Protein backbone atom coordinates (compact mmCIF):
# COMPACT_ATOMS: atom_id res chain seq x y z
CA MET A 1 -71.31 -9.32 -1.80
CA THR A 2 -68.26 -8.17 -3.62
CA ARG A 3 -70.78 -5.85 -5.74
CA GLY A 4 -71.86 -4.10 -2.50
CA ARG A 5 -68.36 -3.57 -1.38
CA THR A 6 -67.52 -2.10 -4.80
CA ARG A 7 -70.66 0.87 -4.75
CA TRP A 8 -69.29 1.54 -0.88
CA ARG A 9 -65.94 2.20 -2.27
CA ARG A 10 -67.37 4.16 -5.19
CA ARG A 11 -69.42 6.53 -2.66
CA ARG A 12 -66.73 7.32 -0.44
CA SER A 13 -64.62 7.81 -3.66
CA TRP A 14 -67.37 9.99 -4.91
CA TRP A 15 -68.20 11.30 -1.32
CA SER A 16 -64.42 12.88 -0.68
CA GLY A 17 -64.18 13.66 -4.39
CA GLY A 18 -66.82 15.82 -3.92
CA ILE A 19 -65.90 17.44 -0.76
CA LEU A 20 -61.88 17.89 -2.32
CA ARG A 21 -64.05 20.22 -5.11
CA ARG A 22 -65.97 21.97 -2.80
CA ARG A 23 -63.19 22.90 -1.20
CA GLY A 24 -61.19 23.94 -4.32
CA ILE A 25 -58.31 21.78 -3.58
CA GLY A 26 -57.76 18.93 -6.57
CA TRP A 27 -54.99 15.71 -6.56
CA CYS A 28 -52.56 17.77 -8.03
CA SER A 29 -52.43 20.61 -5.94
CA ILE A 30 -52.15 17.58 -2.99
CA ARG A 31 -49.07 15.93 -4.83
CA ARG A 32 -47.36 19.27 -5.02
CA ARG A 33 -48.39 19.93 -1.72
CA THR A 34 -46.38 17.00 -0.41
CA ARG A 35 -43.37 17.28 -2.62
CA GLY A 36 -42.76 20.90 -1.11
CA ILE A 37 -43.35 19.16 2.29
CA THR A 38 -40.60 16.60 1.66
CA TRP A 39 -38.38 19.45 -0.37
CA ALA A 40 -38.80 20.99 2.93
CA LEU A 41 -38.24 17.87 5.05
CA GLN A 42 -35.04 17.34 3.11
CA ALA A 43 -34.07 20.87 3.22
CA ALA A 44 -34.24 20.89 7.24
CA MET A 45 -32.41 17.43 7.47
CA ALA A 46 -29.63 18.24 5.17
CA ARG A 47 -29.05 21.62 7.52
CA LEU A 48 -29.29 19.60 10.59
CA GLU A 49 -26.77 16.85 8.83
CA ASP A 50 -24.66 20.15 8.49
CA GLU A 51 -25.27 21.30 11.94
CA PHE A 52 -24.36 17.50 13.34
CA ARG A 53 -21.09 17.56 11.72
CA HIS A 54 -20.33 21.02 12.53
CA LEU A 55 -21.04 20.54 15.94
CA LEU A 56 -18.65 16.99 15.93
CA ALA A 57 -16.05 18.87 14.22
CA ARG A 58 -15.86 22.17 16.93
CA GLY A 59 -16.66 19.74 19.68
CA MET A 60 -13.21 18.36 19.02
CA SER A 61 -9.94 20.02 20.07
CA PRO A 62 -7.60 17.62 19.48
CA LEU A 63 -4.14 18.31 20.49
CA ALA A 64 -0.70 18.73 18.39
CA GLY A 65 1.77 15.31 19.04
CA GLU A 66 3.44 15.23 22.44
CA ASP A 67 0.44 17.58 24.00
CA LEU A 68 -1.91 15.27 22.91
CA HIS A 69 0.14 11.53 24.17
CA ALA A 70 0.71 13.27 27.14
CA SER A 71 -2.59 14.31 27.85
CA LEU A 72 -4.57 10.72 27.00
CA LEU A 73 -1.05 9.56 29.96
CA ARG A 74 -2.28 11.57 32.06
CA ARG A 75 -6.14 10.91 31.36
CA LEU A 76 -5.87 7.07 31.96
CA SER A 77 -2.97 7.77 34.89
CA LEU A 78 -6.70 9.03 36.61
CA THR A 79 -9.01 6.28 34.78
CA VAL A 80 -7.56 3.43 35.79
CA PRO A 81 -6.29 3.09 38.30
CA SER A 82 -3.23 0.24 36.83
CA PHE A 83 -2.56 1.61 34.14
CA ALA A 84 -0.73 4.58 36.58
CA SER A 85 1.99 1.70 37.13
CA SER A 86 2.73 0.34 34.55
CA ALA A 87 2.65 3.12 31.67
CA SER A 88 6.38 3.35 33.17
CA ASP A 89 7.08 0.02 33.30
CA LEU A 90 6.16 -0.29 29.18
CA ASP A 91 9.98 -0.01 28.53
CA CYS A 92 10.66 -3.87 28.61
CA PRO A 93 14.55 -4.19 27.87
CA SER A 94 14.80 -5.79 25.04
CA PHE A 95 17.66 -9.08 25.00
CA ALA A 96 20.29 -6.50 23.08
CA SER A 97 20.14 -3.95 26.10
CA HIS A 98 20.99 -6.79 28.33
CA THR A 99 24.17 -7.80 27.84
CA GLY A 100 25.53 -5.58 30.84
CA ASP A 101 24.69 -6.56 34.51
CA GLY A 102 23.30 -3.57 35.13
CA ASP A 103 19.67 -3.56 37.24
CA GLU A 104 16.60 -2.86 35.24
CA SER A 105 14.31 -0.23 37.52
CA GLY A 106 11.32 1.45 36.79
CA GLY A 107 9.53 4.43 38.77
CA ALA A 108 5.51 3.91 39.05
CA GLY A 109 3.39 6.79 37.49
CA GLY A 110 2.24 9.69 39.45
CA ARG A 111 -1.01 11.01 40.23
CA ALA A 112 -1.39 14.68 39.48
CA SER A 113 -4.42 16.69 39.75
CA VAL A 114 -5.39 18.00 36.32
CA SER A 115 -8.94 19.79 34.70
CA ASP A 116 -11.74 18.33 32.39
CA GLU A 117 -9.86 20.37 29.41
CA GLU A 118 -6.26 19.03 29.93
CA ILE A 119 -7.08 15.33 30.12
CA SER A 120 -10.26 14.96 27.73
CA PRO A 121 -8.73 16.31 23.68
CA TYR A 122 -10.54 13.37 22.04
CA LEU A 123 -13.62 14.03 24.02
CA ILE A 124 -16.85 15.87 23.13
CA SER A 125 -17.50 18.80 25.87
CA PRO A 126 -20.84 18.08 27.72
CA ASP A 127 -22.33 21.18 26.08
CA THR A 128 -21.71 19.84 22.64
CA VAL A 129 -23.04 16.67 23.46
CA GLY A 130 -26.45 18.25 24.28
CA ALA A 131 -27.02 19.80 20.96
CA LEU A 132 -25.70 16.67 18.95
CA ARG A 133 -28.30 14.31 21.28
CA GLY A 134 -31.48 17.09 20.22
CA ILE A 135 -30.14 16.73 16.44
CA ALA A 136 -29.80 12.77 16.73
CA ASP A 137 -33.29 12.90 18.61
CA VAL A 138 -35.03 14.76 15.54
CA MET A 139 -33.52 13.33 12.94
CA LEU A 140 -33.36 10.17 14.26
CA ARG A 141 -37.62 10.73 14.37
CA ALA A 142 -37.50 11.62 10.75
CA GLY A 143 -36.13 8.24 10.02
CA TYR A 144 -32.77 9.86 8.94
CA GLY A 145 -30.80 7.73 11.01
CA PRO A 146 -28.82 6.25 8.13
CA GLU A 147 -27.47 9.66 7.06
CA LEU A 148 -26.51 10.32 10.66
CA CYS A 149 -24.70 7.21 11.39
CA GLN A 150 -22.91 8.23 8.38
CA VAL A 151 -21.64 11.17 9.32
CA TYR A 152 -20.97 10.32 13.04
CA GLY A 153 -19.37 7.36 11.72
CA GLU A 154 -16.82 9.21 9.16
CA MET A 155 -15.95 11.68 11.64
CA ARG A 156 -15.69 10.21 14.96
CA ARG A 157 -13.08 7.43 13.06
CA ASP A 158 -10.95 10.03 11.69
CA THR A 159 -10.47 11.53 15.01
CA LEU A 160 -10.00 8.24 16.37
CA MET A 161 -7.35 6.97 13.85
CA GLU A 162 -5.63 11.10 14.42
CA CYS A 163 -4.87 10.06 18.10
CA LEU A 164 -3.93 6.64 16.98
CA ALA A 165 -1.40 7.96 15.12
CA VAL A 166 -0.31 10.00 17.73
CA LEU A 167 0.36 7.32 19.90
CA GLY A 168 3.00 5.90 17.60
CA VAL A 169 0.50 2.97 15.97
CA ASP A 170 1.11 3.42 12.44
CA LYS A 171 -0.33 1.42 9.40
CA MET A 172 1.68 -1.39 8.59
CA SER A 173 1.54 -4.09 6.10
CA LEU A 174 2.88 -7.11 7.17
CA GLU A 175 5.85 -6.81 4.49
CA GLU A 176 6.15 -3.30 6.06
CA VAL A 177 6.70 -4.67 9.30
CA GLN A 178 9.23 -7.40 8.02
CA ARG A 179 11.17 -5.39 6.18
CA VAL A 180 11.94 -2.49 9.15
CA GLU A 181 14.92 -2.92 11.02
CA TRP A 182 15.31 -3.98 14.33
CA GLY A 183 15.26 -0.74 16.41
CA VAL A 184 12.68 0.87 14.78
CA LEU A 185 10.24 -2.25 14.89
CA ASP A 186 11.42 -2.36 18.30
CA GLY A 187 10.12 1.21 19.50
CA LYS A 188 6.93 0.51 17.43
CA MET A 189 5.92 -2.05 19.44
CA LYS A 190 6.78 -0.85 22.73
CA LYS A 191 4.07 2.28 21.46
CA TRP A 192 1.89 -0.26 20.66
CA ILE A 193 1.81 -2.24 23.98
CA GLN A 194 1.19 1.32 25.41
CA ALA A 195 -1.24 2.68 22.44
CA LEU A 196 -3.66 -0.70 23.31
CA LYS A 197 -4.45 0.54 27.17
CA VAL A 198 -4.74 4.41 25.94
CA VAL A 199 -7.40 2.90 22.86
CA VAL A 200 -9.17 0.60 24.80
CA ARG A 201 -9.45 2.10 28.13
CA GLY A 202 -9.39 5.74 27.34
CA LEU A 203 -10.32 6.41 23.49
CA VAL A 204 -12.87 3.81 22.76
CA ALA A 205 -14.31 3.00 26.01
CA GLU A 206 -14.90 6.90 26.15
CA GLU A 207 -16.33 6.71 22.78
CA ARG A 208 -19.02 4.76 24.16
CA ARG A 209 -20.33 6.80 26.46
CA ILE A 210 -20.39 9.16 24.00
CA CYS A 211 -22.82 7.17 22.00
CA ASN A 212 -25.01 6.20 24.71
CA GLN A 213 -25.27 10.04 25.53
CA ILE A 214 -25.60 11.02 22.16
CA PHE A 215 -27.92 8.43 20.89
CA ALA A 216 -30.33 7.04 24.02
CA ALA A 217 -33.26 7.43 22.32
CA ASP A 218 -32.21 4.38 19.92
CA ALA A 219 -30.01 1.27 20.83
CA GLU A 220 -29.91 0.62 17.30
CA ALA A 221 -28.46 3.55 15.81
CA GLU A 222 -26.20 3.85 19.55
CA GLU A 223 -24.72 0.29 18.80
CA ASP A 224 -23.97 1.29 14.79
CA CYS A 225 -22.44 4.35 15.32
CA PHE A 226 -20.19 2.89 18.42
CA THR A 227 -18.98 -0.08 16.17
CA GLU A 228 -18.66 1.80 12.85
CA ALA A 229 -16.38 4.92 14.87
CA ALA A 230 -14.46 2.37 16.83
CA LYS A 231 -13.54 -0.12 14.74
CA GLY A 232 -11.17 1.32 12.48
CA CYS A 233 -8.73 2.20 15.00
CA VAL A 234 -9.45 -1.26 16.95
CA LEU A 235 -8.81 -3.70 13.55
CA GLN A 236 -5.63 -1.43 13.34
CA LEU A 237 -4.14 -1.72 16.13
CA LEU A 238 -4.70 -5.78 15.98
CA ASN A 239 -3.38 -6.03 12.35
CA PHE A 240 -0.23 -4.62 13.96
CA GLY A 241 -0.56 -7.33 16.75
CA ASP A 242 -1.14 -9.94 13.90
CA ALA A 243 1.63 -9.06 11.96
CA ILE A 244 4.52 -9.27 14.67
CA ALA A 245 2.79 -13.01 15.59
CA ILE A 246 3.13 -14.15 12.20
CA GLY A 247 6.41 -12.32 11.25
CA LYS A 248 9.69 -13.61 11.47
CA ARG A 249 11.52 -15.03 14.79
CA SER A 250 14.24 -13.62 16.61
CA SER A 251 15.28 -13.86 20.40
CA GLU A 252 15.73 -10.15 21.11
CA LYS A 253 12.02 -9.61 19.89
CA LEU A 254 10.75 -12.15 22.19
CA PHE A 255 10.04 -9.76 25.41
CA ARG A 256 8.19 -7.07 23.16
CA ILE A 257 5.74 -9.87 22.33
CA LEU A 258 5.86 -10.79 25.70
CA GLY A 259 4.49 -7.25 26.52
CA MET A 260 2.07 -7.37 23.83
CA TYR A 261 0.53 -11.05 24.74
CA GLU A 262 0.37 -9.36 28.17
CA ALA A 263 -1.17 -6.13 27.25
CA LEU A 264 -3.56 -7.54 25.04
CA ASP A 265 -4.47 -10.80 27.26
CA GLU A 266 -5.16 -8.20 30.11
CA VAL A 267 -7.35 -5.61 28.02
CA LEU A 268 -9.25 -8.57 25.68
CA PRO A 269 -12.52 -8.69 28.27
CA GLU A 270 -12.66 -5.26 28.29
CA LEU A 271 -12.74 -4.98 24.33
CA GLU A 272 -14.88 -7.52 23.76
CA GLY A 273 -17.07 -5.67 26.88
CA LEU A 274 -17.23 -2.86 24.54
CA PHE A 275 -19.05 -4.13 21.36
CA SER A 276 -22.39 -6.06 21.40
CA GLY A 277 -24.03 -8.42 18.68
CA ASP A 278 -21.84 -9.15 15.38
CA ALA A 279 -19.41 -6.87 15.76
CA ARG A 280 -18.50 -8.08 19.30
CA ASP A 281 -18.00 -11.38 18.08
CA PHE A 282 -16.07 -10.79 15.36
CA ILE A 283 -13.77 -8.43 17.34
CA LYS A 284 -13.48 -10.73 20.09
CA GLU A 285 -12.36 -13.77 17.15
CA GLU A 286 -9.76 -11.38 15.86
CA ALA A 287 -8.60 -10.31 19.26
CA VAL A 288 -8.23 -14.25 20.45
CA GLY A 289 -6.78 -15.17 17.38
CA ILE A 290 -3.76 -12.70 17.41
CA LEU A 291 -3.58 -13.56 21.44
CA MET A 292 -2.77 -17.50 20.38
CA ARG A 293 -0.66 -16.33 17.52
CA LEU A 294 1.31 -13.93 20.14
CA GLY A 295 1.48 -16.87 22.14
CA ASP A 296 2.39 -19.28 19.34
CA ALA A 297 5.48 -16.94 18.78
CA VAL A 298 6.69 -16.69 22.47
CA ARG A 299 6.96 -20.31 22.22
CA GLY A 300 8.90 -20.53 19.30
CA THR A 301 11.06 -17.63 19.81
CA VAL A 302 11.57 -19.61 23.14
CA ALA A 303 12.95 -23.15 21.37
CA GLU A 304 14.57 -20.69 18.78
CA PHE A 305 16.93 -19.19 21.72
CA ALA A 306 17.36 -22.86 23.25
CA ASN A 307 19.05 -23.69 19.41
CA ALA A 308 20.64 -20.18 19.32
CA ILE A 309 22.24 -21.53 22.66
CA GLN A 310 23.54 -24.52 21.37
CA GLY A 311 24.45 -23.53 17.77
CA GLU A 312 26.51 -20.53 19.36
CA THR A 313 30.50 -21.35 17.03
CA SER A 314 32.65 -18.65 18.25
CA ARG A 315 36.40 -20.22 18.60
CA ARG A 316 37.98 -17.09 20.06
CA ALA A 317 39.65 -18.12 23.67
CA LEU A 318 39.12 -14.50 26.22
CA PRO A 319 42.41 -13.68 27.81
CA GLY A 320 43.01 -14.67 30.89
CA GLY A 321 39.52 -17.19 31.18
CA GLU A 322 37.18 -14.48 31.94
CA ILE A 323 33.18 -14.89 31.97
CA HIS A 324 32.20 -15.19 27.98
CA PRO A 325 30.12 -12.50 26.49
CA LEU A 326 27.52 -15.54 26.01
CA THR A 327 27.20 -16.66 29.80
CA ARG A 328 25.99 -12.74 30.20
CA TYR A 329 24.13 -12.86 27.36
CA VAL A 330 21.84 -15.88 28.17
CA MET A 331 21.79 -15.26 31.84
CA ASN A 332 20.64 -11.56 31.95
CA TYR A 333 17.79 -13.15 29.28
CA VAL A 334 17.02 -15.50 30.92
CA ARG A 335 17.03 -13.65 34.06
CA LEU A 336 14.60 -11.21 32.30
CA LEU A 337 12.29 -14.42 31.83
CA ALA A 338 10.96 -14.58 35.37
CA ASP A 339 9.27 -10.81 34.94
CA TYR A 340 6.71 -12.72 32.73
CA SER A 341 6.40 -15.86 35.11
CA ARG A 342 2.47 -15.66 34.84
CA SER A 343 2.44 -15.64 31.36
CA LEU A 344 5.24 -18.11 30.73
CA ASN A 345 4.39 -20.45 32.79
CA GLN A 346 0.62 -20.57 31.09
CA LEU A 347 2.43 -20.51 27.22
CA LEU A 348 4.92 -23.26 28.26
CA LYS A 349 3.17 -25.66 30.46
CA ASP A 350 2.85 -28.13 27.44
CA TRP A 351 6.91 -27.39 25.93
CA ASP A 352 8.46 -30.63 25.76
CA THR A 353 11.38 -30.65 28.29
CA GLU A 354 13.69 -33.08 27.14
CA LEU A 355 15.96 -33.18 30.23
CA GLU A 356 17.49 -36.53 31.34
CA ASN A 357 19.74 -35.00 34.23
CA GLY A 358 18.92 -36.97 37.24
CA GLY A 359 15.15 -34.88 37.96
CA ASP A 360 16.52 -31.94 38.61
CA ASN A 361 12.86 -30.54 37.13
CA VAL A 362 10.89 -32.47 39.21
CA ASN A 363 8.14 -30.77 40.77
CA MET A 364 8.94 -27.03 38.53
CA THR A 365 6.98 -24.98 36.99
CA PRO A 366 6.70 -24.89 33.13
CA LEU A 367 8.83 -21.55 33.20
CA GLY A 368 11.73 -23.39 36.02
CA GLN A 369 11.92 -26.63 33.12
CA CYS A 370 12.30 -23.74 30.31
CA VAL A 371 14.91 -21.63 32.55
CA LEU A 372 17.07 -25.32 33.51
CA ILE A 373 17.03 -26.36 29.69
CA LEU A 374 18.29 -23.09 28.72
CA ILE A 375 21.28 -23.21 31.89
CA THR A 376 21.81 -26.44 31.03
CA HIS A 377 22.53 -26.17 26.82
CA LEU A 378 24.73 -23.01 28.49
CA GLN A 379 26.90 -24.76 30.90
CA ALA A 380 27.61 -27.46 27.92
CA LYS A 381 28.14 -24.87 26.13
CA ILE A 382 30.89 -23.40 28.35
CA GLU A 383 32.59 -26.82 29.05
CA GLU A 384 32.80 -26.91 25.31
CA LYS A 385 34.56 -23.32 25.66
CA SER A 386 37.03 -24.13 27.87
CA LYS A 387 38.37 -27.06 25.89
CA LEU A 388 39.89 -23.50 23.88
CA TYR A 389 42.46 -23.15 26.31
CA GLU A 390 45.33 -25.63 26.18
CA ASP A 391 46.20 -24.82 29.67
CA GLU A 392 43.58 -27.12 32.08
CA ALA A 393 44.24 -24.65 35.13
CA LEU A 394 43.44 -21.94 32.81
CA GLN A 395 40.16 -24.31 31.94
CA ASN A 396 38.96 -24.73 35.35
CA ILE A 397 39.69 -20.15 35.98
CA PHE A 398 37.21 -20.25 32.69
CA LEU A 399 34.71 -22.95 34.06
CA MET A 400 35.17 -21.43 38.06
CA ASN A 401 34.50 -17.81 36.67
CA ASN A 402 31.74 -18.35 34.28
CA LEU A 403 29.53 -21.15 36.71
CA LEU A 404 29.76 -18.36 39.90
CA TYR A 405 28.21 -15.78 37.67
CA ILE A 406 25.78 -18.30 36.59
CA VAL A 407 24.99 -18.79 40.16
CA GLN A 408 24.99 -15.43 41.24
CA LYS A 409 22.71 -14.57 38.73
CA VAL A 410 20.14 -17.12 39.98
CA LYS A 411 21.17 -16.71 43.39
CA ASP A 412 20.11 -12.60 42.97
CA SER A 413 17.10 -13.29 40.91
CA GLU A 414 13.23 -14.71 41.00
CA LEU A 415 15.41 -17.69 39.23
CA LYS A 416 16.24 -18.42 42.78
CA THR A 417 12.81 -19.52 43.06
CA LEU A 418 12.50 -21.24 39.77
CA LEU A 419 15.07 -23.27 40.25
CA GLY A 420 15.23 -23.89 44.09
CA ASP A 421 18.23 -23.88 46.53
CA ASN A 422 19.09 -27.59 45.86
CA TRP A 423 20.25 -26.35 42.48
CA ILE A 424 22.48 -23.34 44.04
CA ARG A 425 24.33 -25.77 46.14
CA GLN A 426 25.00 -28.39 43.61
CA ARG A 427 26.87 -25.68 41.51
CA ARG A 428 28.25 -24.40 44.08
CA GLY A 429 30.35 -27.90 44.76
CA GLN A 430 30.84 -28.00 40.92
CA ILE A 431 32.85 -24.64 41.58
CA ARG A 432 34.61 -26.52 44.46
CA ARG A 433 35.50 -29.32 41.96
CA TYR A 434 36.94 -26.67 39.25
CA SER A 435 39.01 -25.07 42.09
CA THR A 436 40.49 -28.34 43.27
CA GLY A 437 41.30 -29.12 39.56
CA TYR A 438 42.74 -25.78 38.94
CA LEU A 439 44.82 -26.83 42.21
CA ARG A 440 46.21 -29.85 40.96
CA SER A 441 47.28 -28.40 37.97
CA SER A 442 48.92 -25.21 38.45
CA TRP A 443 50.99 -26.29 41.86
CA THR A 444 51.34 -30.19 41.45
CA ARG A 445 54.45 -29.38 39.88
CA VAL A 446 55.66 -26.78 42.07
CA LEU A 447 54.86 -28.92 45.29
CA ALA A 448 56.88 -31.52 44.09
CA CYS A 449 59.98 -29.96 43.85
CA LEU A 450 59.68 -29.38 47.89
CA ARG A 451 59.20 -33.20 48.82
CA ASP A 452 61.98 -35.42 50.45
CA ASP A 453 61.54 -37.46 47.42
CA GLY A 454 64.47 -38.36 45.38
CA LEU A 455 66.86 -36.29 47.69
CA PRO A 456 70.41 -38.42 48.65
CA GLN A 457 69.81 -40.38 52.16
CA THR A 458 73.53 -39.03 53.47
CA MET A 459 73.36 -35.82 55.30
CA GLY A 460 75.75 -33.14 56.37
CA SER A 461 78.24 -31.76 53.67
CA SER A 462 77.36 -34.27 50.68
CA SER A 463 78.01 -32.97 47.45
CA ALA A 464 75.00 -35.11 46.11
CA LEU A 465 72.54 -33.24 48.90
CA LYS A 466 73.99 -30.09 47.88
CA ALA A 467 73.33 -30.39 44.33
CA SER A 468 70.05 -31.91 44.25
CA LEU A 469 68.96 -29.27 46.67
CA LYS A 470 70.14 -26.84 44.40
CA GLU A 471 68.62 -28.06 41.50
CA ARG A 472 65.09 -28.77 43.55
CA PHE A 473 65.13 -24.85 44.54
CA LYS A 474 66.24 -23.56 41.42
CA ASN A 475 63.48 -25.56 39.87
CA PHE A 476 60.86 -24.35 42.34
CA ASN A 477 61.94 -20.70 41.15
CA LEU A 478 61.65 -21.20 37.82
CA ALA A 479 58.15 -23.05 38.41
CA PHE A 480 56.94 -20.45 40.74
CA GLU A 481 58.26 -17.30 38.85
CA GLU A 482 56.64 -18.93 35.43
CA LEU A 483 53.32 -19.14 37.60
CA TYR A 484 53.36 -15.50 38.63
CA LYS A 485 54.43 -14.48 35.17
CA THR A 486 51.80 -16.07 33.54
CA GLN A 487 48.81 -15.96 36.49
CA THR A 488 48.73 -12.68 37.35
CA THR A 489 47.40 -11.89 33.86
CA TRP A 490 44.62 -14.35 34.10
CA LYS A 491 41.05 -12.52 35.78
CA VAL A 492 39.10 -14.04 38.37
CA VAL A 493 36.22 -12.07 38.45
CA ASP A 494 34.48 -12.29 41.79
CA PRO A 495 36.45 -11.09 44.26
CA GLN A 496 35.20 -13.37 47.02
CA LEU A 497 36.43 -16.64 44.50
CA ARG A 498 39.61 -14.24 43.61
CA GLU A 499 40.75 -14.56 47.39
CA GLU A 500 40.13 -17.90 48.32
CA LEU A 501 41.78 -19.14 45.73
CA LYS A 502 44.62 -16.88 46.91
CA ILE A 503 44.06 -18.60 50.33
CA SER A 504 43.81 -21.96 48.71
CA ILE A 505 47.43 -21.26 47.20
CA SER A 506 48.95 -19.75 50.12
CA GLU A 507 47.71 -22.50 52.38
CA LYS A 508 49.37 -25.48 50.28
CA VAL A 509 52.46 -23.56 49.33
CA LEU A 510 53.87 -21.55 52.32
CA PRO A 511 53.94 -24.17 54.52
CA ALA A 512 56.08 -26.79 52.58
CA TYR A 513 57.84 -24.33 51.40
CA ARG A 514 58.31 -23.15 55.10
CA SER A 515 59.42 -26.97 56.11
CA PHE A 516 61.96 -27.91 53.31
CA VAL A 517 63.70 -24.19 53.78
CA GLY A 518 63.82 -24.80 57.19
CA ARG A 519 64.98 -28.12 56.94
CA PHE A 520 67.69 -27.67 54.01
CA ARG A 521 68.60 -23.91 54.58
CA GLY A 522 71.99 -24.90 56.76
CA GLN A 523 72.75 -27.30 54.01
CA LEU A 524 72.99 -24.08 51.51
CA GLU A 525 74.20 -21.13 53.60
CA GLY A 526 77.42 -20.39 53.72
CA GLY A 527 78.32 -21.68 50.03
CA ARG A 528 78.50 -19.72 47.17
CA ASN A 529 75.51 -17.93 45.62
CA SER A 530 73.40 -19.49 48.23
CA ALA A 531 70.92 -16.51 47.59
CA ARG A 532 71.12 -17.48 43.94
CA TYR A 533 68.75 -20.82 45.34
CA ILE A 534 66.73 -19.62 48.31
CA LYS A 535 65.00 -16.26 46.42
CA TYR A 536 62.18 -16.02 48.51
CA ASN A 537 61.31 -16.22 52.74
CA PRO A 538 57.40 -17.35 53.17
CA GLU A 539 56.48 -13.57 52.93
CA ASP A 540 58.20 -12.96 49.77
CA LEU A 541 56.17 -15.81 48.18
CA GLU A 542 53.05 -14.83 50.08
CA ASN A 543 53.33 -11.34 48.61
CA GLN A 544 53.41 -12.36 44.94
CA VAL A 545 50.47 -14.68 45.48
CA SER A 546 48.43 -11.55 46.51
CA ASP A 547 49.36 -10.71 42.73
CA PHE A 548 47.56 -13.34 41.05
CA PHE A 549 43.89 -13.11 39.35
CA GLU A 550 44.23 -9.33 39.34
CA GLY A 551 44.34 -9.70 35.20
CA ARG A 552 47.56 -7.37 34.80
CA ARG A 553 48.51 -6.69 31.21
CA PRO A 554 51.93 -9.26 30.71
CA ASN A 555 53.98 -5.99 30.40
CA ALA A 556 52.61 -5.04 33.56
């Protein structure tokens, strides 16, 4: 059987060789022709590769600097509905920018009608896409897929990286992120938030569409080319986010980190859906890991902020008992937390509340509990700082100013929803107790001068009674004038509280003074220097009281 097969092969070889000899064709000639065809094919493929590269370069018309940036944003405002309203809100204010009382506002982006040329600086024109697809089909059928993907990946990767640079996202190592000053880093974090949405919803999504059109004939080539083109800019974005997440924590970074966390959380499903296979698994693992580390950074920064409140050590008493900068600092900071309630309720759900304050935090959200902790720390610190004032009355003015500021910030913001009406009522009750403490410590000595206690019981022209009355009026005048001199320099910031305190003073002092003068004026009138003792009528006192708590300069 084996010998038969061998004979058949020899006959076939002889037969075919004979045919080739009869036709004048030898094996060497075949090999030469084959090499010629191969060289011709390679040359043709090289020319097609050059043409493919040329078309890619010609089809891209990147705009310079701000034009590209503005065009990318305009495109997203048209193609991504949620982006139009979010792009203008990316200026999430940092902690340092909120030491004042100004309200933050942001307008929504408009939707102007623009042409394809205006909105597509990073795209490839439809005509060019068709030509590229024709070349790709030929090269793929010829087995030149790897060379094709290499050219496409290099060209498009460079273009996407250029767009990323225009959007303000530079390649930075962890060490560079750590060294850069906060003002610069804040700007880079803000640009990252915006660029992430532009890249995922605009650049990379469009790159996927282009790959699908050019490499429609070969799904594997499409995936390889897309991954090679897109992974560079995606990983550069993610690496910056990771550097921020594991970098040094400080309170002013919190709101930018929260913005980064929310932006990545928002686009993560879209980002994952753009890739497939191993690339998808890799990108998802990287992005989810960075998202978790950003969440850890948020929790750590909030805890660090709470510790910073407790550890604040300034020992300077503010003139006039005004609102302490720490109070403004903390409340503006805390008020901004409510803007991120969805994310913070998720991130802080396992946060240790460490509260033992009679159940204030019962049924509160995690963010509500966090806010309550921070404000509780602030109140304790303000109580501590009130002791810097030697005058007990001024201590109460300081406490009233600061606690009312806290209450107003809560009442006029989303913090009211977090803390509830009962919390506000309790703090208003505390303000009333401070008011009572002020009246007691300031006016008890003044009112003691207007009591009958200690006056001689003998009426008429008793010299002892007159002497006692002169002493009483003299002491009253001195005490009132001292209060006037001191408390007109104090400052009650809230106009309503200021007027309420003046009314409370008038209601306590004026009736007592009017009664005392009415009963004893006759004992001193007609005597020598009687006006020296009864210096004020009730209307004069009322006018004097109206000057209290206006924060006048001492020598004014």
